[in-house]
């Protein structure tokens, strides 16, 4: 079974005569192997939670805070939602606010 990792490809290419034919591929593999990988999605979600808590502090329950955090993290899904039905339902609800004169 062949080793198809970056390190395996780099080793095979550097030990073969193809290294002279494709020197740029060898350079790209060397650079790619040295690049650090990062996963910032966890840090991003904590950052969103901190922003929401700082903005709204203790006025919200834990359930509402969790829901707002999830909405901020998954904002790509929200951008694709058709909001016209939701707006119509909201408009059709009876107004509960009383006007004082």
C-alpha atoms as a PDB file:
ATOM      1  CA  UNK A   1       0.000   0.000   0.000  1.00  0.00           C
ATOM      2  CA  UNK A   2       1.369   3.392  -0.983  1.00  0.00           C
ATOM      3  CA  UNK A   3       2.032   6.167   1.517  1.00  0.00           C
ATOM      4  CA  UNK A   4       0.004   9.149   0.246  1.00  0.00           C
ATOM      5  CA  UNK A   5       0.805  11.576   3.041  1.00  0.00           C
ATOM      6  CA  UNK A   6       2.674  14.820   2.376  1.00  0.00           C
ATOM      7  CA  UNK A   7       5.771  13.394   4.022  1.00  0.00           C
ATOM      8  CA  UNK A   8       5.503  10.202   1.946  1.00  0.00           C
ATOM      9  CA  UNK A   9       5.067  12.128  -1.305  1.00  0.00           C
ATOM     10  CA  UNK A  10       8.020  14.361  -0.449  1.00  0.00           C
ATOM     11  CA  UNK A  11      10.239  11.342   0.314  1.00  0.00           C
ATOM     12  CA  UNK A  12       9.245   9.496  -2.877  1.00  0.00           C
ATOM     13  CA  UNK A  13       9.685  12.545  -5.073  1.00  0.00           C
ATOM     14  CA  UNK A  14      13.028  13.551  -3.586  1.00  0.00           C
ATOM     15  CA  UNK A  15      14.404   9.994  -4.052  1.00  0.00           C
ATOM     16  CA  UNK A  16      13.255   9.682  -7.658  1.00  0.00           C
ATOM     17  CA  UNK A  17      14.545  11.185 -10.901  1.00  0.00           C
ATOM     18  CA  UNK A  18      11.264  13.135 -11.136  1.00  0.00           C
ATOM     19  CA  UNK A  19      12.693  15.602  -8.610  1.00  0.00           C
ATOM     20  CA  UNK A  20      14.745  17.157 -11.401  1.00  0.00           C
ATOM     21  CA  UNK A  21      11.716  17.271 -13.690  1.00  0.00           C
ATOM     22  CA  UNK A  22       9.363  18.802 -11.097  1.00  0.00           C
ATOM     23  CA  UNK A  23      11.500  20.930  -8.765  1.00  0.00           C
ATOM     24  CA  UNK A  24       8.637  23.306  -7.963  1.00  0.00           C
ATOM     25  CA  UNK A  25       6.441  20.461  -6.730  1.00  0.00           C
ATOM     26  CA  UNK A  26       9.216  19.443  -4.361  1.00  0.00           C
ATOM     27  CA  UNK A  27       9.434  23.029  -3.073  1.00  0.00           C
ATOM     28  CA  UNK A  28       5.658  23.228  -2.597  1.00  0.00           C
ATOM     29  CA  UNK A  29       5.623  19.943  -0.670  1.00  0.00           C
ATOM     30  CA  UNK A  30       8.458  21.182   1.542  1.00  0.00           C
ATOM     31  CA  UNK A  31       6.626  24.454   2.270  1.00  0.00           C
ATOM     32  CA  UNK A  32       3.321  22.664   2.893  1.00  0.00           C
ATOM     33  CA  UNK A  33       4.963  20.249   5.331  1.00  0.00           C
ATOM     34  CA  UNK A  34       6.344  23.192   7.335  1.00  0.00           C
ATOM     35  CA  UNK A  35       3.076  25.146   7.517  1.00  0.00           C
ATOM     36  CA  UNK A  36       1.347  25.000  10.889  1.00  0.00           C
ATOM     37  CA  UNK A  37      -2.239  23.846  10.893  1.00  0.00           C
ATOM     38  CA  UNK A  38      -4.774  25.746  12.922  1.00  0.00           C
ATOM     39  CA  UNK A  39      -8.315  25.196  14.005  1.00  0.00           C
ATOM     40  CA  UNK A  40      -9.782  28.440  15.269  1.00  0.00           C
ATOM     41  CA  UNK A  41     -13.457  27.496  15.178  1.00  0.00           C
ATOM     42  CA  UNK A  42     -13.483  26.699  18.897  1.00  0.00           C
ATOM     43  CA  UNK A  43     -11.824  29.990  19.734  1.00  0.00           C
ATOM     44  CA  UNK A  44     -14.263  31.806  17.468  1.00  0.00           C
ATOM     45  CA  UNK A  45     -17.301  30.362  19.244  1.00  0.00           C
ATOM     46  CA  UNK A  46     -15.935  31.414  22.647  1.00  0.00           C
ATOM     47  CA  UNK A  47     -15.282  34.890  21.254  1.00  0.00           C
ATOM     48  CA  UNK A  48     -18.887  35.120  20.056  1.00  0.00           C
ATOM     49  CA  UNK A  49     -20.159  33.982  23.449  1.00  0.00           C
ATOM     50  CA  UNK A  50     -18.013  36.600  25.215  1.00  0.00           C
ATOM     51  CA  UNK A  51     -19.314  39.374  22.937  1.00  0.00           C
ATOM     52  CA  UNK A  52     -22.933  38.392  23.519  1.00  0.00           C
ATOM     53  CA  UNK A  53     -22.491  38.138  27.273  1.00  0.00           C
ATOM     54  CA  UNK A  54     -20.737  41.488  27.430  1.00  0.00           C
ATOM     55  CA  UNK A  55     -23.477  43.119  25.389  1.00  0.00           C
ATOM     56  CA  UNK A  56     -26.482  41.695  27.178  1.00  0.00           C
ATOM     57  CA  UNK A  57     -24.901  40.758  30.536  1.00  0.00           C
ATOM     58  CA  UNK A  58     -27.336  39.203  32.948  1.00  0.00           C
ATOM     59  CA  UNK A  59     -30.589  40.252  31.313  1.00  0.00           C
ATOM     60  CA  UNK A  60     -30.930  36.984  29.412  1.00  0.00           C
ATOM     61  CA  UNK A  61     -31.472  33.473  30.627  1.00  0.00           C
ATOM     62  CA  UNK A  62     -28.933  30.759  29.818  1.00  0.00           C
ATOM     63  CA  UNK A  63     -31.235  29.296  27.147  1.00  0.00           C
ATOM     64  CA  UNK A  64     -31.532  32.613  25.293  1.00  0.00           C
ATOM     65  CA  UNK A  65     -27.782  33.213  25.553  1.00  0.00           C
ATOM     66  CA  UNK A  66     -27.079  29.756  24.118  1.00  0.00           C
ATOM     67  CA  UNK A  67     -29.545  30.345  21.297  1.00  0.00           C
ATOM     68  CA  UNK A  68     -28.021  33.719  20.397  1.00  0.00           C
ATOM     69  CA  UNK A  69     -24.538  32.222  20.466  1.00  0.00           C
ATOM     70  CA  UNK A  70     -25.616  29.448  18.114  1.00  0.00           C
ATOM     71  CA  UNK A  71     -27.225  31.977  15.758  1.00  0.00           C
ATOM     72  CA  UNK A  72     -24.014  34.028  15.635  1.00  0.00           C
ATOM     73  CA  UNK A  73     -21.827  30.986  15.019  1.00  0.00           C
ATOM     74  CA  UNK A  74     -24.077  29.542  12.308  1.00  0.00           C
ATOM     75  CA  UNK A  75     -24.668  32.860  10.528  1.00  0.00           C
ATOM     76  CA  UNK A  76     -24.097  31.289   7.083  1.00  0.00           C
ATOM     77  CA  UNK A  77     -27.297  29.286   7.492  1.00  0.00           C
ATOM     78  CA  UNK A  78     -29.203  32.395   8.587  1.00  0.00           C
ATOM     79  CA  UNK A  79     -28.162  34.311   5.492  1.00  0.00           C
ATOM     80  CA  UNK A  80     -29.889  31.721   3.276  1.00  0.00           C
ATOM     81  CA  UNK A  81     -33.240  31.754   5.108  1.00  0.00           C
ATOM     82  CA  UNK A  82     -36.273  33.406   3.514  1.00  0.00           C
ATOM     83  CA  UNK A  83     -37.520  35.685   6.285  1.00  0.00           C
ATOM     84  CA  UNK A  84     -40.775  36.805   4.624  1.00  0.00           C
ATOM     85  CA  UNK A  85     -42.889  34.048   6.280  1.00  0.00           C
ATOM     86  CA  UNK A  86     -41.449  34.824   9.697  1.00  0.00           C
ATOM     87  CA  UNK A  87     -42.096  38.525   9.249  1.00  0.00           C
ATOM     88  CA  UNK A  88     -45.696  37.868   8.175  1.00  0.00           C
ATOM     89  CA  UNK A  89     -46.313  35.666  11.238  1.00  0.00           C
ATOM     90  CA  UNK A  90     -44.861  38.347  13.473  1.00  0.00           C
ATOM     91  CA  UNK A  91     -47.040  41.022  11.874  1.00  0.00           C
ATOM     92  CA  UNK A  92     -50.189  38.918  12.201  1.00  0.00           C
ATOM     93  CA  UNK A  93     -49.780  38.527  15.973  1.00  0.00           C
ATOM     94  CA  UNK A  94     -52.001  40.798  18.016  1.00  0.00           C
ATOM     95  CA  UNK A  95     -50.219  43.892  19.321  1.00  0.00           C
ATOM     96  CA  UNK A  96     -49.759  43.596  23.085  1.00  0.00           C
ATOM     97  CA  UNK A  97     -48.243  46.991  23.718  1.00  0.00           C
ATOM     98  CA  UNK A  98     -50.653  49.590  25.077  1.00  0.00           C
ATOM     99  CA  UNK A  99     -50.388  53.182  24.028  1.00  0.00           C
ATOM    100  CA  UNK A 100     -50.679  55.603  26.929  1.00  0.00           C
ATOM    101  CA  UNK A 101     -51.802  59.128  26.132  1.00  0.00           C
END
